[in-house]
PDB file of N, CA and C in Angstrom:
ATOM      1  N   UNK A   1      80.524  -9.102  -2.854  1.00  0.00           N
ATOM      2  CA  UNK A   1      79.111  -9.390  -2.724  1.00  0.00           C
ATOM      3  C   UNK A   1      78.751 -10.769  -3.243  1.00  0.00           C
ATOM      4  N   UNK A   2      79.387 -11.195  -4.305  1.00  0.00           N
ATOM      5  CA  UNK A   2      79.068 -12.507  -4.861  1.00  0.00           C
ATOM      6  C   UNK A   2      79.710 -13.634  -4.058  1.00  0.00           C
ATOM      7  N   UNK A   3      80.424 -13.284  -2.995  1.00  0.00           N
ATOM      8  CA  UNK A   3      81.073 -14.305  -2.175  1.00  0.00           C
ATOM      9  C   UNK A   3      80.076 -15.099  -1.347  1.00  0.00           C
ATOM     10  N   UNK A   4      78.881 -14.610  -1.214  1.00  0.00           N
ATOM     11  CA  UNK A   4      77.862 -15.307  -0.436  1.00  0.00           C
ATOM     12  C   UNK A   4      77.686 -14.709   0.940  1.00  0.00           C
ATOM     13  N   UNK A   5      78.489 -13.708   1.280  1.00  0.00           N
ATOM     14  CA  UNK A   5      78.374 -13.087   2.591  1.00  0.00           C
ATOM     15  C   UNK A   5      77.052 -12.343   2.748  1.00  0.00           C
ATOM     16  N   UNK A   6      76.691 -11.553   1.744  1.00  0.00           N
ATOM     17  CA  UNK A   6      75.428 -10.814   1.784  1.00  0.00           C
ATOM     18  C   UNK A   6      74.375 -11.438   0.869  1.00  0.00           C
ATOM     19  N   UNK A   7      74.826 -11.976  -0.223  1.00  0.00           N
ATOM     20  CA  UNK A   7      73.912 -12.500  -1.239  1.00  0.00           C
ATOM     21  C   UNK A   7      74.541 -13.742  -1.844  1.00  0.00           C
ATOM     22  N   UNK A   8      73.846 -14.829  -1.783  1.00  0.00           N
ATOM     23  CA  UNK A   8      74.360 -16.069  -2.343  1.00  0.00           C
ATOM     24  C   UNK A   8      73.581 -16.404  -3.616  1.00  0.00           C
ATOM     25  N   UNK A   9      74.214 -16.238  -4.785  1.00  0.00           N
ATOM     26  CA  UNK A   9      73.498 -16.498  -6.037  1.00  0.00           C
ATOM     27  C   UNK A   9      73.059 -17.950  -6.184  1.00  0.00           C
ATOM     28  N   UNK A  10      73.771 -18.867  -5.553  1.00  0.00           N
ATOM     29  CA  UNK A  10      73.394 -20.280  -5.636  1.00  0.00           C
ATOM     30  C   UNK A  10      72.057 -20.536  -4.946  1.00  0.00           C
ATOM     31  N   UNK A  11      71.801 -19.838  -3.847  1.00  0.00           N
ATOM     32  CA  UNK A  11      70.506 -19.980  -3.171  1.00  0.00           C
ATOM     33  C   UNK A  11      69.382 -19.415  -4.035  1.00  0.00           C
ATOM     34  N   UNK A  12      69.650 -18.331  -4.729  1.00  0.00           N
ATOM     35  CA  UNK A  12      68.651 -17.777  -5.643  1.00  0.00           C
ATOM     36  C   UNK A  12      68.378 -18.745  -6.783  1.00  0.00           C
ATOM     37  N   UNK A  13      69.438 -19.390  -7.288  1.00  0.00           N
ATOM     38  CA  UNK A  13      69.253 -20.385  -8.344  1.00  0.00           C
ATOM     39  C   UNK A  13      68.421 -21.556  -7.843  1.00  0.00           C
ATOM     40  N   UNK A  14      68.608 -21.949  -6.600  1.00  0.00           N
ATOM     41  CA  UNK A  14      67.860 -23.081  -6.040  1.00  0.00           C
ATOM     42  C   UNK A  14      66.356 -22.794  -5.965  1.00  0.00           C
ATOM     43  N   UNK A  15      65.970 -21.565  -5.627  1.00  0.00           N
ATOM     44  CA  UNK A  15      64.545 -21.247  -5.488  1.00  0.00           C
ATOM     45  C   UNK A  15      63.936 -20.661  -6.766  1.00  0.00           C
ATOM     46  N   UNK A  16      64.764 -20.370  -7.759  1.00  0.00           N
ATOM     47  CA  UNK A  16      64.269 -19.735  -8.986  1.00  0.00           C
ATOM     48  C   UNK A  16      63.175 -20.536  -9.684  1.00  0.00           C
ATOM     49  N   UNK A  17      63.312 -21.861  -9.860  1.00  0.00           N
ATOM     50  CA  UNK A  17      62.217 -22.587 -10.533  1.00  0.00           C
ATOM     51  C   UNK A  17      60.887 -22.470  -9.784  1.00  0.00           C
ATOM     52  N   UNK A  18      60.940 -22.498  -8.472  1.00  0.00           N
ATOM     53  CA  UNK A  18      59.713 -22.371  -7.684  1.00  0.00           C
ATOM     54  C   UNK A  18      59.101 -20.986  -7.834  1.00  0.00           C
ATOM     55  N   UNK A  19      59.925 -19.952  -7.786  1.00  0.00           N
ATOM     56  CA  UNK A  19      59.414 -18.581  -7.930  1.00  0.00           C
ATOM     57  C   UNK A  19      58.837 -18.340  -9.322  1.00  0.00           C
ATOM     58  N   UNK A  20      59.515 -18.836 -10.338  1.00  0.00           N
ATOM     59  CA  UNK A  20      59.051 -18.622 -11.710  1.00  0.00           C
ATOM     60  C   UNK A  20      57.761 -19.396 -11.970  1.00  0.00           C
ATOM     61  N   UNK A  21      57.704 -20.636 -11.492  1.00  0.00           N
ATOM     62  CA  UNK A  21      56.492 -21.430 -11.670  1.00  0.00           C
ATOM     63  C   UNK A  21      55.319 -20.819 -10.914  1.00  0.00           C
ATOM     64  N   UNK A  22      55.590 -20.277  -9.745  1.00  0.00           N
ATOM     65  CA  UNK A  22      54.535 -19.600  -8.988  1.00  0.00           C
ATOM     66  C   UNK A  22      54.020 -18.394  -9.769  1.00  0.00           C
ATOM     67  N   UNK A  23      54.907 -17.662 -10.409  1.00  0.00           N
ATOM     68  CA  UNK A  23      54.482 -16.528 -11.236  1.00  0.00           C
ATOM     69  C   UNK A  23      53.602 -16.990 -12.388  1.00  0.00           C
ATOM     70  N   UNK A  24      53.974 -18.093 -13.028  1.00  0.00           N
ATOM     71  CA  UNK A  24      53.171 -18.615 -14.136  1.00  0.00           C
ATOM     72  C   UNK A  24      51.804 -19.076 -13.647  1.00  0.00           C
ATOM     73  N   UNK A  25      51.769 -19.705 -12.485  1.00  0.00           N
ATOM     74  CA  UNK A  25      50.478 -20.166 -11.954  1.00  0.00           C
ATOM     75  C   UNK A  25      49.587 -19.000 -11.547  1.00  0.00           C
ATOM     76  N   UNK A  26      50.173 -17.954 -11.005  1.00  0.00           N
ATOM     77  CA  UNK A  26      49.384 -16.765 -10.657  1.00  0.00           C
ATOM     78  C   UNK A  26      48.819 -16.131 -11.925  1.00  0.00           C
ATOM     79  N   UNK A  27      49.619 -16.074 -12.977  1.00  0.00           N
ATOM     80  CA  UNK A  27      49.153 -15.529 -14.255  1.00  0.00           C
ATOM     81  C   UNK A  27      48.004 -16.376 -14.805  1.00  0.00           C
ATOM     82  N   UNK A  28      48.148 -17.698 -14.739  1.00  0.00           N
ATOM     83  CA  UNK A  28      47.104 -18.593 -15.237  1.00  0.00           C
ATOM     84  C   UNK A  28      45.840 -18.487 -14.393  1.00  0.00           C
ATOM     85  N   UNK A  29      45.993 -18.413 -13.083  1.00  0.00           N
ATOM     86  CA  UNK A  29      44.824 -18.302 -12.212  1.00  0.00           C
ATOM     87  C   UNK A  29      44.114 -16.967 -12.447  1.00  0.00           C
ATOM     88  N   UNK A  30      44.870 -15.926 -12.703  1.00  0.00           N
ATOM     89  CA  UNK A  30      44.270 -14.625 -12.997  1.00  0.00           C
ATOM     90  C   UNK A  30      43.416 -14.706 -14.259  1.00  0.00           C
ATOM     91  N   UNK A  31      43.914 -15.351 -15.291  1.00  0.00           N
ATOM     92  CA  UNK A  31      43.130 -15.531 -16.509  1.00  0.00           C
ATOM     93  C   UNK A  31      41.910 -16.406 -16.243  1.00  0.00           C
ATOM     94  N   UNK A  32      42.081 -17.434 -15.439  1.00  0.00           N
ATOM     95  CA  UNK A  32      40.971 -18.344 -15.099  1.00  0.00           C
ATOM     96  C   UNK A  32      39.885 -17.604 -14.332  1.00  0.00           C
ATOM     97  N   UNK A  33      40.280 -16.651 -13.519  1.00  0.00           N
ATOM     98  CA  UNK A  33      39.325 -15.881 -12.738  1.00  0.00           C
ATOM     99  C   UNK A  33      38.668 -14.793 -13.592  1.00  0.00           C
ATOM    100  N   UNK A  34      39.425 -14.205 -14.492  1.00  0.00           N
ATOM    101  CA  UNK A  34      38.974 -13.044 -15.265  1.00  0.00           C
ATOM    102  C   UNK A  34      38.041 -13.416 -16.422  1.00  0.00           C
ATOM    103  N   UNK A  35      38.381 -14.440 -17.180  1.00  0.00           N
ATOM    104  CA  UNK A  35      37.648 -14.739 -18.409  1.00  0.00           C
ATOM    105  C   UNK A  35      36.229 -15.266 -18.224  1.00  0.00           C
ATOM    106  N   UNK A  36      35.889 -16.042 -17.190  1.00  0.00           N
ATOM    107  CA  UNK A  36      34.506 -16.522 -17.077  1.00  0.00           C
ATOM    108  C   UNK A  36      33.460 -15.419 -16.942  1.00  0.00           C
ATOM    109  N   UNK A  37      33.854 -14.240 -16.540  1.00  0.00           N
ATOM    110  CA  UNK A  37      32.909 -13.134 -16.464  1.00  0.00           C
ATOM    111  C   UNK A  37      32.312 -12.787 -17.817  1.00  0.00           C
ATOM    112  N   UNK A  38      33.065 -13.043 -18.877  1.00  0.00           N
ATOM    113  CA  UNK A  38      32.568 -12.772 -20.225  1.00  0.00           C
ATOM    114  C   UNK A  38      31.485 -13.760 -20.655  1.00  0.00           C
ATOM    115  N   UNK A  39      31.419 -14.905 -20.009  1.00  0.00           N
ATOM    116  CA  UNK A  39      30.481 -15.948 -20.421  1.00  0.00           C
ATOM    117  C   UNK A  39      29.098 -15.797 -19.801  1.00  0.00           C
ATOM    118  N   UNK A  40      28.937 -14.852 -18.937  1.00  0.00           N
ATOM    119  CA  UNK A  40      27.631 -14.641 -18.311  1.00  0.00           C
ATOM    120  C   UNK A  40      26.654 -14.079 -19.341  1.00  0.00           C
ATOM    121  N   UNK A  41      25.401 -14.510 -19.233  1.00  0.00           N
ATOM    122  CA  UNK A  41      24.401 -14.137 -20.244  1.00  0.00           C
ATOM    123  C   UNK A  41      24.125 -12.630 -20.262  1.00  0.00           C
ATOM    124  N   UNK A  42      24.211 -11.963 -19.125  1.00  0.00           N
ATOM    125  CA  UNK A  42      23.924 -10.521 -19.122  1.00  0.00           C
ATOM    126  C   UNK A  42      25.012  -9.688 -19.808  1.00  0.00           C
ATOM    127  N   UNK A  43      26.153 -10.312 -20.105  1.00  0.00           N
ATOM    128  CA  UNK A  43      27.242  -9.598 -20.783  1.00  0.00           C
ATOM    129  C   UNK A  43      27.405 -10.023 -22.242  1.00  0.00           C
ATOM    130  N   UNK A  44      26.453 -10.763 -22.764  1.00  0.00           N
ATOM    131  CA  UNK A  44      26.594 -11.335 -24.107  1.00  0.00           C
ATOM    132  C   UNK A  44      26.844 -10.281 -25.184  1.00  0.00           C
ATOM    133  N   UNK A  45      26.125  -9.187 -25.174  1.00  0.00           N
ATOM    134  CA  UNK A  45      26.306  -8.179 -26.232  1.00  0.00           C
ATOM    135  C   UNK A  45      27.681  -7.512 -26.126  1.00  0.00           C
ATOM    136  N   UNK A  46      28.114  -7.218 -24.906  1.00  0.00           N
ATOM    137  CA  UNK A  46      29.445  -6.608 -24.740  1.00  0.00           C
ATOM    138  C   UNK A  46      30.547  -7.607 -25.062  1.00  0.00           C
ATOM    139  N   UNK A  47      30.314  -8.855 -24.737  1.00  0.00           N
ATOM    140  CA  UNK A  47      31.322  -9.892 -24.956  1.00  0.00           C
ATOM    141  C   UNK A  47      31.639 -10.045 -26.431  1.00  0.00           C
ATOM    142  N   UNK A  48      30.616  -9.989 -27.270  1.00  0.00           N
ATOM    143  CA  UNK A  48      30.831 -10.173 -28.703  1.00  0.00           C
ATOM    144  C   UNK A  48      31.698  -9.073 -29.305  1.00  0.00           C
ATOM    145  N   UNK A  49      31.730  -7.908 -28.682  1.00  0.00           N
ATOM    146  CA  UNK A  49      32.573  -6.828 -29.200  1.00  0.00           C
ATOM    147  C   UNK A  49      33.929  -6.771 -28.503  1.00  0.00           C
ATOM    148  N   UNK A  50      33.993  -7.115 -27.232  1.00  0.00           N
ATOM    149  CA  UNK A  50      35.231  -6.978 -26.462  1.00  0.00           C
ATOM    150  C   UNK A  50      36.121  -8.209 -26.557  1.00  0.00           C
ATOM    151  N   UNK A  51      35.543  -9.390 -26.503  1.00  0.00           N
ATOM    152  CA  UNK A  51      36.325 -10.614 -26.394  1.00  0.00           C
ATOM    153  C   UNK A  51      37.278 -10.870 -27.568  1.00  0.00           C
ATOM    154  N   UNK A  52      36.897 -10.636 -28.816  1.00  0.00           N
ATOM    155  CA  UNK A  52      37.860 -10.881 -29.900  1.00  0.00           C
ATOM    156  C   UNK A  52      39.137 -10.053 -29.756  1.00  0.00           C
ATOM    157  N   UNK A  53      39.026  -8.790 -29.413  1.00  0.00           N
ATOM    158  CA  UNK A  53      40.235  -7.976 -29.253  1.00  0.00           C
ATOM    159  C   UNK A  53      41.018  -8.397 -28.009  1.00  0.00           C
ATOM    160  N   UNK A  54      40.299  -8.833 -26.975  1.00  0.00           N
ATOM    161  CA  UNK A  54      40.985  -9.310 -25.776  1.00  0.00           C
ATOM    162  C   UNK A  54      41.805 -10.559 -26.079  1.00  0.00           C
ATOM    163  N   UNK A  55      41.219 -11.513 -26.808  1.00  0.00           N
ATOM    164  CA  UNK A  55      41.953 -12.729 -27.162  1.00  0.00           C
ATOM    165  C   UNK A  55      43.113 -12.431 -28.103  1.00  0.00           C
ATOM    166  N   UNK A  56      42.911 -11.497 -29.039  1.00  0.00           N
ATOM    167  CA  UNK A  56      43.999 -11.110 -29.928  1.00  0.00           C
ATOM    168  C   UNK A  56      45.166 -10.566 -29.118  1.00  0.00           C
ATOM    169  N   UNK A  57      44.859  -9.687 -28.178  1.00  0.00           N
ATOM    170  CA  UNK A  57      45.914  -9.102 -27.338  1.00  0.00           C
ATOM    171  C   UNK A  57      46.587 -10.175 -26.495  1.00  0.00           C
ATOM    172  N   UNK A  58      45.798 -11.084 -25.937  1.00  0.00           N
ATOM    173  CA  UNK A  58      46.388 -12.136 -25.125  1.00  0.00           C
ATOM    174  C   UNK A  58      47.339 -12.992 -25.939  1.00  0.00           C
ATOM    175  N   UNK A  59      46.908 -13.400 -27.138  1.00  0.00           N
ATOM    176  CA  UNK A  59      47.757 -14.281 -27.932  1.00  0.00           C
ATOM    177  C   UNK A  59      48.918 -13.547 -28.570  1.00  0.00           C
ATOM    178  N   UNK A  60      48.837 -12.227 -28.680  1.00  0.00           N
ATOM    179  CA  UNK A  60      49.983 -11.472 -29.176  1.00  0.00           C
ATOM    180  C   UNK A  60      51.029 -11.269 -28.080  1.00  0.00           C
ATOM    181  N   UNK A  61      50.586 -11.096 -26.836  1.00  0.00           N
ATOM    182  CA  UNK A  61      51.517 -10.802 -25.749  1.00  0.00           C
ATOM    183  C   UNK A  61      51.566 -11.901 -24.694  1.00  0.00           C
ATOM    184  N   UNK A  62      50.429 -12.442 -24.330  1.00  0.00           N
ATOM    185  CA  UNK A  62      50.366 -13.404 -23.246  1.00  0.00           C
ATOM    186  C   UNK A  62      51.094 -14.701 -23.528  1.00  0.00           C
ATOM    187  N   UNK A  63      51.098 -15.117 -24.783  1.00  0.00           N
ATOM    188  CA  UNK A  63      51.790 -16.350 -25.133  1.00  0.00           C
ATOM    189  C   UNK A  63      53.288 -16.203 -24.879  1.00  0.00           C
ATOM    190  N   UNK A  64      53.827 -15.025 -25.140  1.00  0.00           N
ATOM    191  CA  UNK A  64      55.250 -14.804 -24.891  1.00  0.00           C
ATOM    192  C   UNK A  64      55.558 -14.807 -23.396  1.00  0.00           C
ATOM    193  N   UNK A  65      54.624 -14.314 -22.597  1.00  0.00           N
ATOM    194  CA  UNK A  65      54.808 -14.348 -21.147  1.00  0.00           C
ATOM    195  C   UNK A  65      54.825 -15.785 -20.655  1.00  0.00           C
ATOM    196  N   UNK A  66      53.860 -16.568 -21.079  1.00  0.00           N
ATOM    197  CA  UNK A  66      53.770 -17.965 -20.649  1.00  0.00           C
ATOM    198  C   UNK A  66      54.962 -18.765 -21.166  1.00  0.00           C
ATOM    199  N   UNK A  67      55.302 -18.610 -22.435  1.00  0.00           N
ATOM    200  CA  UNK A  67      56.447 -19.339 -22.995  1.00  0.00           C
ATOM    201  C   UNK A  67      57.746 -18.897 -22.340  1.00  0.00           C
ATOM    202  N   UNK A  68      57.858 -17.615 -22.054  1.00  0.00           N
ATOM    203  CA  UNK A  68      59.060 -17.114 -21.379  1.00  0.00           C
ATOM    204  C   UNK A  68      59.212 -17.660 -19.977  1.00  0.00           C
ATOM    205  N   UNK A  69      58.115 -17.673 -19.220  1.00  0.00           N
ATOM    206  CA  UNK A  69      58.172 -18.212 -17.863  1.00  0.00           C
ATOM    207  C   UNK A  69      58.477 -19.705 -17.873  1.00  0.00           C
ATOM    208  N   UNK A  70      57.869 -20.446 -18.806  1.00  0.00           N
ATOM    209  CA  UNK A  70      58.160 -21.878 -18.900  1.00  0.00           C
ATOM    210  C   UNK A  70      59.601 -22.132 -19.320  1.00  0.00           C
ATOM    211  N   UNK A  71      60.124 -21.324 -20.236  1.00  0.00           N
ATOM    212  CA  UNK A  71      61.521 -21.464 -20.653  1.00  0.00           C
ATOM    213  C   UNK A  71      62.462 -21.157 -19.496  1.00  0.00           C
ATOM    214  N   UNK A  72      62.151 -20.144 -18.708  1.00  0.00           N
ATOM    215  CA  UNK A  72      62.975 -19.839 -17.534  1.00  0.00           C
ATOM    216  C   UNK A  72      62.928 -20.960 -16.508  1.00  0.00           C
ATOM    217  N   UNK A  73      61.771 -21.560 -16.324  1.00  0.00           N
ATOM    218  CA  UNK A  73      61.671 -22.674 -15.381  1.00  0.00           C
ATOM    219  C   UNK A  73      62.514 -23.850 -15.854  1.00  0.00           C
ATOM    220  N   UNK A  74      62.425 -24.177 -17.134  1.00  0.00           N
ATOM    221  CA  UNK A  74      63.225 -25.273 -17.675  1.00  0.00           C
ATOM    222  C   UNK A  74      64.719 -24.972 -17.528  1.00  0.00           C
ATOM    223  N   UNK A  75      65.126 -23.770 -17.891  1.00  0.00           N
ATOM    224  CA  UNK A  75      66.556 -23.443 -17.856  1.00  0.00           C
ATOM    225  C   UNK A  75      67.103 -23.390 -16.434  1.00  0.00           C
ATOM    226  N   UNK A  76      66.347 -22.851 -15.486  1.00  0.00           N
ATOM    227  CA  UNK A  76      66.850 -22.828 -14.108  1.00  0.00           C
ATOM    228  C   UNK A  76      66.836 -24.211 -13.481  1.00  0.00           C
ATOM    229  N   UNK A  77      65.899 -25.067 -13.871  1.00  0.00           N
ATOM    230  CA  UNK A  77      65.908 -26.453 -13.384  1.00  0.00           C
ATOM    231  C   UNK A  77      67.122 -27.195 -13.914  1.00  0.00           C
ATOM    232  N   UNK A  78      67.407 -27.029 -15.188  1.00  0.00           N
ATOM    233  CA  UNK A  78      68.593 -27.665 -15.777  1.00  0.00           C
ATOM    234  C   UNK A  78      69.859 -27.117 -15.125  1.00  0.00           C
ATOM    235  N   UNK A  79      69.904 -25.802 -14.920  1.00  0.00           N
ATOM    236  CA  UNK A  79      71.086 -25.207 -14.284  1.00  0.00           C
ATOM    237  C   UNK A  79      71.291 -25.772 -12.886  1.00  0.00           C
ATOM    238  N   UNK A  80      70.217 -25.946 -12.141  1.00  0.00           N
ATOM    239  CA  UNK A  80      70.342 -26.534 -10.810  1.00  0.00           C
ATOM    240  C   UNK A  80      70.866 -27.961 -10.884  1.00  0.00           C
ATOM    241  N   UNK A  81      70.356 -28.730 -11.829  1.00  0.00           N
ATOM    242  CA  UNK A  81      70.786 -30.122 -11.952  1.00  0.00           C
ATOM    243  C   UNK A  81      72.230 -30.242 -12.429  1.00  0.00           C
ATOM    244  N   UNK A  82      72.704 -29.261 -13.175  1.00  0.00           N
ATOM    245  CA  UNK A  82      74.069 -29.311 -13.680  1.00  0.00           C
ATOM    246  C   UNK A  82      75.099 -28.726 -12.720  1.00  0.00           C
ATOM    247  N   UNK A  83      74.706 -27.768 -11.898  1.00  0.00           N
ATOM    248  CA  UNK A  83      75.697 -27.081 -11.065  1.00  0.00           C
ATOM    249  C   UNK A  83      76.157 -27.903  -9.872  1.00  0.00           C
ATOM    250  N   UNK A  84      75.246 -28.493  -9.153  1.00  0.00           N
ATOM    251  CA  UNK A  84      75.621 -29.172  -7.915  1.00  0.00           C
ATOM    252  C   UNK A  84      74.804 -30.436  -7.715  1.00  0.00           C
ATOM    253  N   UNK A  85      74.801 -31.287  -8.689  1.00  0.00           N
ATOM    254  CA  UNK A  85      73.979 -32.489  -8.656  1.00  0.00           C
ATOM    255  C   UNK A  85      74.248 -33.382  -7.451  1.00  0.00           C
ATOM    256  N   UNK A  86      75.507 -33.619  -7.058  1.00  0.00           N
ATOM    257  CA  UNK A  86      75.736 -34.484  -5.886  1.00  0.00           C
ATOM    258  C   UNK A  86      75.091 -33.949  -4.608  1.00  0.00           C
ATOM    259  N   UNK A  87      75.120 -32.631  -4.436  1.00  0.00           N
ATOM    260  CA  UNK A  87      74.491 -32.044  -3.252  1.00  0.00           C
ATOM    261  C   UNK A  87      72.981 -32.232  -3.310  1.00  0.00           C
ATOM    262  N   UNK A  88      72.393 -32.011  -4.481  1.00  0.00           N
ATOM    263  CA  UNK A  88      70.953 -32.193  -4.631  1.00  0.00           C
ATOM    264  C   UNK A  88      70.555 -33.646  -4.412  1.00  0.00           C
ATOM    265  N   UNK A  89      71.394 -34.579  -4.889  1.00  0.00           N
ATOM    266  CA  UNK A  89      71.108 -35.996  -4.662  1.00  0.00           C
ATOM    267  C   UNK A  89      71.220 -36.348  -3.189  1.00  0.00           C
ATOM    268  N   UNK A  90      72.206 -35.777  -2.519  1.00  0.00           N
ATOM    269  CA  UNK A  90      72.387 -36.034  -1.093  1.00  0.00           C
ATOM    270  C   UNK A  90      71.197 -35.505  -0.288  1.00  0.00           C
ATOM    271  N   UNK A  91      70.667 -34.362  -0.692  1.00  0.00           N
ATOM    272  CA  UNK A  91      69.512 -33.770  -0.010  1.00  0.00           C
ATOM    273  C   UNK A  91      68.194 -34.384  -0.477  1.00  0.00           C
ATOM    274  N   UNK A  92      68.275 -35.276  -1.453  1.00  0.00           N
ATOM    275  CA  UNK A  92      67.103 -35.926  -2.043  1.00  0.00           C
ATOM    276  C   UNK A  92      66.129 -34.919  -2.662  1.00  0.00           C
ATOM    277  N   UNK A  93      66.676 -33.838  -3.184  1.00  0.00           N
ATOM    278  CA  UNK A  93      65.815 -32.833  -3.810  1.00  0.00           C
ATOM    279  C   UNK A  93      65.950 -32.806  -5.330  1.00  0.00           C
ATOM    280  N   UNK A  94      66.888 -33.543  -5.876  1.00  0.00           N
ATOM    281  CA  UNK A  94      67.034 -33.529  -7.341  1.00  0.00           C
ATOM    282  C   UNK A  94      65.790 -34.081  -8.025  1.00  0.00           C
ATOM    283  N   UNK A  95      65.091 -34.983  -7.368  1.00  0.00           N
ATOM    284  CA  UNK A  95      63.865 -35.529  -7.972  1.00  0.00           C
ATOM    285  C   UNK A  95      62.810 -34.446  -8.159  1.00  0.00           C
ATOM    286  N   UNK A  96      62.789 -33.446  -7.284  1.00  0.00           N
ATOM    287  CA  UNK A  96      61.836 -32.347  -7.437  1.00  0.00           C
ATOM    288  C   UNK A  96      62.205 -31.467  -8.618  1.00  0.00           C
ATOM    289  N   UNK A  97      63.507 -31.261  -8.829  1.00  0.00           N
ATOM    290  CA  UNK A  97      63.932 -30.488  -9.994  1.00  0.00           C
ATOM    291  C   UNK A  97      63.621 -31.254 -11.281  1.00  0.00           C
ATOM    292  N   UNK A  98      63.821 -32.579 -11.269  1.00  0.00           N
ATOM    293  CA  UNK A  98      63.465 -33.395 -12.433  1.00  0.00           C
ATOM    294  C   UNK A  98      61.967 -33.360 -12.682  1.00  0.00           C
ATOM    295  N   UNK A  99      61.170 -33.446 -11.637  1.00  0.00           N
ATOM    296  CA  UNK A  99      59.712 -33.405 -11.786  1.00  0.00           C
ATOM    297  C   UNK A  99      59.255 -32.062 -12.350  1.00  0.00           C
ATOM    298  N   UNK A 100      59.781 -30.985 -11.805  1.00  0.00           N
ATOM    299  CA  UNK A 100      59.431 -29.660 -12.318  1.00  0.00           C
ATOM    300  C   UNK A 100      59.866 -29.470 -13.751  1.00  0.00           C
ATOM    301  N   UNK A 101      61.056 -29.975 -14.073  1.00  0.00           N
ATOM    302  CA  UNK A 101      61.557 -29.894 -15.441  1.00  0.00           C
ATOM    303  C   UNK A 101      60.656 -30.671 -16.387  1.00  0.00           C
ATOM    304  N   UNK A 102      60.285 -31.879 -16.000  1.00  0.00           N
ATOM    305  CA  UNK A 102      59.430 -32.700 -16.862  1.00  0.00           C
ATOM    306  C   UNK A 102      58.046 -32.119 -17.054  1.00  0.00           C
ATOM    307  N   UNK A 103      57.438 -31.668 -15.964  1.00  0.00           N
ATOM    308  CA  UNK A 103      56.085 -31.115 -16.076  1.00  0.00           C
ATOM    309  C   UNK A 103      56.073 -29.818 -16.877  1.00  0.00           C
ATOM    310  N   UNK A 104      57.087 -28.999 -16.698  1.00  0.00           N
ATOM    311  CA  UNK A 104      57.151 -27.752 -17.460  1.00  0.00           C
ATOM    312  C   UNK A 104      57.419 -28.034 -18.936  1.00  0.00           C
ATOM    313  N   UNK A 105      58.283 -28.993 -19.208  1.00  0.00           N
ATOM    314  CA  UNK A 105      58.553 -29.357 -20.607  1.00  0.00           C
ATOM    315  C   UNK A 105      57.293 -29.898 -21.275  1.00  0.00           C
ATOM    316  N   UNK A 106      56.435 -30.583 -20.515  1.00  0.00           N
ATOM    317  CA  UNK A 106      55.179 -31.092 -21.074  1.00  0.00           C
ATOM    318  C   UNK A 106      54.249 -29.963 -21.513  1.00  0.00           C
ATOM    319  N   UNK A 107      54.379 -28.796 -20.903  1.00  0.00           N
ATOM    320  CA  UNK A 107      53.553 -27.657 -21.340  1.00  0.00           C
ATOM    321  C   UNK A 107      53.847 -27.301 -22.789  1.00  0.00           C
ATOM    322  N   UNK A 108      55.089 -27.509 -23.209  1.00  0.00           N
ATOM    323  CA  UNK A 108      55.439 -27.180 -24.590  1.00  0.00           C
ATOM    324  C   UNK A 108      54.814 -28.137 -25.589  1.00  0.00           C
ATOM    325  N   UNK A 109      54.286 -29.274 -25.134  1.00  0.00           N
ATOM    326  CA  UNK A 109      53.612 -30.194 -26.044  1.00  0.00           C
ATOM    327  C   UNK A 109      52.293 -29.611 -26.549  1.00  0.00           C
ATOM    328  N   UNK A 110      51.726 -28.662 -25.810  1.00  0.00           N
ATOM    329  CA  UNK A 110      50.457 -28.047 -26.208  1.00  0.00           C
ATOM    330  C   UNK A 110      50.647 -26.937 -27.236  1.00  0.00           C
ATOM    331  N   UNK A 111      51.874 -26.502 -27.460  1.00  0.00           N
ATOM    332  CA  UNK A 111      52.115 -25.395 -28.386  1.00  0.00           C
ATOM    333  C   UNK A 111      51.585 -25.693 -29.784  1.00  0.00           C
ATOM    334  N   UNK A 112      51.837 -26.877 -30.358  1.00  0.00           N
ATOM    335  CA  UNK A 112      51.287 -27.121 -31.710  1.00  0.00           C
ATOM    336  C   UNK A 112      49.761 -27.086 -31.752  1.00  0.00           C
ATOM    337  N   UNK A 113      49.112 -27.407 -30.634  1.00  0.00           N
ATOM    338  CA  UNK A 113      47.651 -27.407 -30.622  1.00  0.00           C
ATOM    339  C   UNK A 113      47.063 -26.003 -30.618  1.00  0.00           C
ATOM    340  N   UNK A 114      47.747 -25.043 -30.022  1.00  0.00           N
ATOM    341  CA  UNK A 114      47.172 -23.699 -29.911  1.00  0.00           C
ATOM    342  C   UNK A 114      47.902 -22.672 -30.761  1.00  0.00           C
ATOM    343  N   UNK A 115      48.987 -23.064 -31.401  1.00  0.00           N
ATOM    344  CA  UNK A 115      49.803 -22.090 -32.139  1.00  0.00           C
ATOM    345  C   UNK A 115      49.063 -21.445 -33.310  1.00  0.00           C
ATOM    346  N   UNK A 116      48.252 -22.207 -33.984  1.00  0.00           N
ATOM    347  CA  UNK A 116      47.577 -21.612 -35.143  1.00  0.00           C
ATOM    348  C   UNK A 116      46.352 -20.874 -34.686  1.00  0.00           C
TER     349      UNK A 116
END
């Protein structure tokens, strides 16, 4: 099976950064869509009781999801660049892996700002 006849793990490695980043963006967009509802004036009394526990839960669990997805994106991008770099250079796609690696690594620069 690992011979590539039915399933080629190298092809999965090639698309893994895109799939993982898409998952992170969907998670972020979901939060972006969900949280503004709490800011509406008609929900002010409920927001003051619900939002603190919601943020506590998010920062207890959600940060690990985001950090995990970003770590997977970085590691699969590096793995792609290390496994078959000449092929990626020939296809002119290594620059996309470098760009994804750099942009994802920049997300970790925000960790000191929100960690406390």
